[in-house]
C-alpha atoms as a PDB file:
ATOM      1  CA  MET A   1      61.789  68.269 106.150  1.00  0.00           C
ATOM      2  CA  ASN A   2      62.026  70.435 103.054  1.00  0.00           C
ATOM      3  CA  VAL A   3      61.948  73.649 105.123  1.00  0.00           C
ATOM      4  CA  LYS A   4      64.787  72.444 107.354  1.00  0.00           C
ATOM      5  CA  ARG A   5      66.902  71.547 104.317  1.00  0.00           C
ATOM      6  CA  GLN A   6      66.251  74.942 102.738  1.00  0.00           C
ATOM      7  CA  GLU A   7      67.227  76.672 105.979  1.00  0.00           C
ATOM      8  CA  LEU A   8      70.467  74.689 106.115  1.00  0.00           C
ATOM      9  CA  GLU A   9      71.233  75.523 102.470  1.00  0.00           C
ATOM     10  CA  ARG A  10      70.585  79.205 103.178  1.00  0.00           C
ATOM     11  CA  LYS A  11      72.935  79.137 106.175  1.00  0.00           C
ATOM     12  CA  ILE A  12      75.613  77.384 104.116  1.00  0.00           C
ATOM     13  CA  GLU A  13      75.293  80.019 101.390  1.00  0.00           C
ATOM     14  CA  GLN A  14      75.652  82.783 103.994  1.00  0.00           C
ATOM     15  CA  MET A  15      78.702  81.081 105.486  1.00  0.00           C
ATOM     16  CA  GLU A  16      80.271  80.619 102.050  1.00  0.00           C
ATOM     17  CA  ALA A  17      79.648  84.285 101.263  1.00  0.00           C
ATOM     18  CA  ALA A  18      81.223  85.311 104.580  1.00  0.00           C
ATOM     19  CA  LEU A  19      84.171  82.997 103.921  1.00  0.00           C
ATOM     20  CA  GLY A  20      84.600  84.476 100.455  1.00  0.00           C
ATOM     21  CA  GLU A  21      84.671  87.970 101.967  1.00  0.00           C
ATOM     22  CA  LEU A  22      87.276  86.894 104.533  1.00  0.00           C
ATOM     23  CA  LYS A  23      89.417  85.361 101.796  1.00  0.00           C
ATOM     24  CA  LEU A  24      89.196  88.603  99.824  1.00  0.00           C
ATOM     25  CA  GLN A  25      90.209  90.628 102.879  1.00  0.00           C
ATOM     26  CA  LEU A  26      93.140  88.281 103.502  1.00  0.00           C
ATOM     27  CA  SER A  27      94.239  88.553  99.900  1.00  0.00           C
ATOM     28  CA  GLN A  28      94.119  92.342 100.117  1.00  0.00           C
ATOM     29  CA  ALA A  29      96.106  92.326 103.373  1.00  0.00           C
ATOM     30  CA  VAL A  30      98.784  90.107 101.834  1.00  0.00           C
ATOM     31  CA  ALA A  31      98.987  92.364  98.784  1.00  0.00           C
ATOM     32  CA  GLU A  32      99.346  95.443 101.010  1.00  0.00           C
ATOM     33  CA  GLU A  33     102.141  93.754 102.995  1.00  0.00           C
ATOM     34  CA  GLN A  34     103.951  92.879  99.780  1.00  0.00           C
ATOM     35  CA  HIS A  35     103.651  96.432  98.488  1.00  0.00           C
ATOM     36  CA  GLU A  36     104.934  97.801 101.789  1.00  0.00           C
ATOM     37  CA  SER A  37     107.860  95.381 101.720  1.00  0.00           C
ATOM     38  CA  ILE A  38     108.687  96.440  98.178  1.00  0.00           C
ATOM     39  CA  ASP A  39     108.452 100.094  99.197  1.00  0.00           C
ATOM     40  CA  HIS A  40     111.028  99.459 101.935  1.00  0.00           C
ATOM     41  CA  LEU A  41     113.241  97.190  99.846  1.00  0.00           C
ATOM     42  CA  ASP A  42     115.729  99.975  99.163  1.00  0.00           C
ATOM     43  CA  GLU A  43     116.135 100.546 102.899  1.00  0.00           C
ATOM     44  CA  HIS A  44     116.758  96.836 103.487  1.00  0.00           C
ATOM     45  CA  LEU A  45     119.317  96.728 100.689  1.00  0.00           C
ATOM     46  CA  GLN A  46     121.134  99.751 102.099  1.00  0.00           C
ATOM     47  CA  GLU A  47     121.251  98.089 105.495  1.00  0.00           C
ATOM     48  CA  LEU A  48     122.703  94.930 103.939  1.00  0.00           C
ATOM     49  CA  ASP A  49     125.290  97.006 102.076  1.00  0.00           C
ATOM     50  CA  HIS A  50     126.254  98.672 105.342  1.00  0.00           C
ATOM     51  CA  ARG A  51     126.613  95.311 107.105  1.00  0.00           C
ATOM     52  CA  TRP A  52     128.650  93.908 104.230  1.00  0.00           C
ATOM     53  CA  GLU A  53     130.942  96.947 104.351  1.00  0.00           C
ATOM     54  CA  ASN A  54     131.436  96.398 108.087  1.00  0.00           C
ATOM     55  CA  ILE A  55     132.389  92.769 107.452  1.00  0.00           C
ATOM     56  CA  ARG A  56     134.786  93.767 104.688  1.00  0.00           C
ATOM     57  CA  GLU A  57     136.464  96.278 106.992  1.00  0.00           C
ATOM     58  CA  PHE A  58     136.594  93.831 109.909  1.00  0.00           C
ATOM     59  CA  TRP A  59     137.862  90.775 108.018  1.00  0.00           C
ATOM     60  CA  PRO A  60     141.481  91.960 107.538  1.00  0.00           C
ATOM     61  CA  ILE A  61     141.673  92.612 111.286  1.00  0.00           C
ATOM     62  CA  VAL A  62     140.497  89.064 111.999  1.00  0.00           C
ATOM     63  CA  VAL A  63     142.993  87.590 109.540  1.00  0.00           C
ATOM     64  CA  LYS A  64     145.834  89.623 111.049  1.00  0.00           C
ATOM     65  CA  GLU A  65     144.902  88.506 114.577  1.00  0.00           C
ATOM     66  CA  PHE A  66     144.782  84.844 113.541  1.00  0.00           C
ATOM     67  CA  ARG A  67     148.135  85.098 111.829  1.00  0.00           C
ATOM     68  CA  GLU A  68     149.703  86.749 114.853  1.00  0.00           C
ATOM     69  CA  ARG A  69     148.316  84.140 117.225  1.00  0.00           C
ATOM     70  CA  PHE A  70     148.568  80.913 115.243  1.00  0.00           C
ATOM     71  CA  VAL A  71     151.312  81.245 112.664  1.00  0.00           C
ATOM     72  CA  LYS A  72     154.658  80.032 113.965  1.00  0.00           C
ATOM     73  CA  LYS A  73     157.497  82.450 113.561  1.00  0.00           C
END
């Protein structure tokens, strides 16, 4: 019985070590993704600025159209 228990404990230790390695790899992958996102943050902000500028340019046209269609003269 003692040998079987020792074998099970050894397998558990191996599995815990493998799990620890997987957790480390996951942590490193998450960190790399965050760094890459930060590296591209400026690009994302520029894209948002561009979209906002398009909305700002388009909004007066929308307002004018609504006024022409729905405001009684």
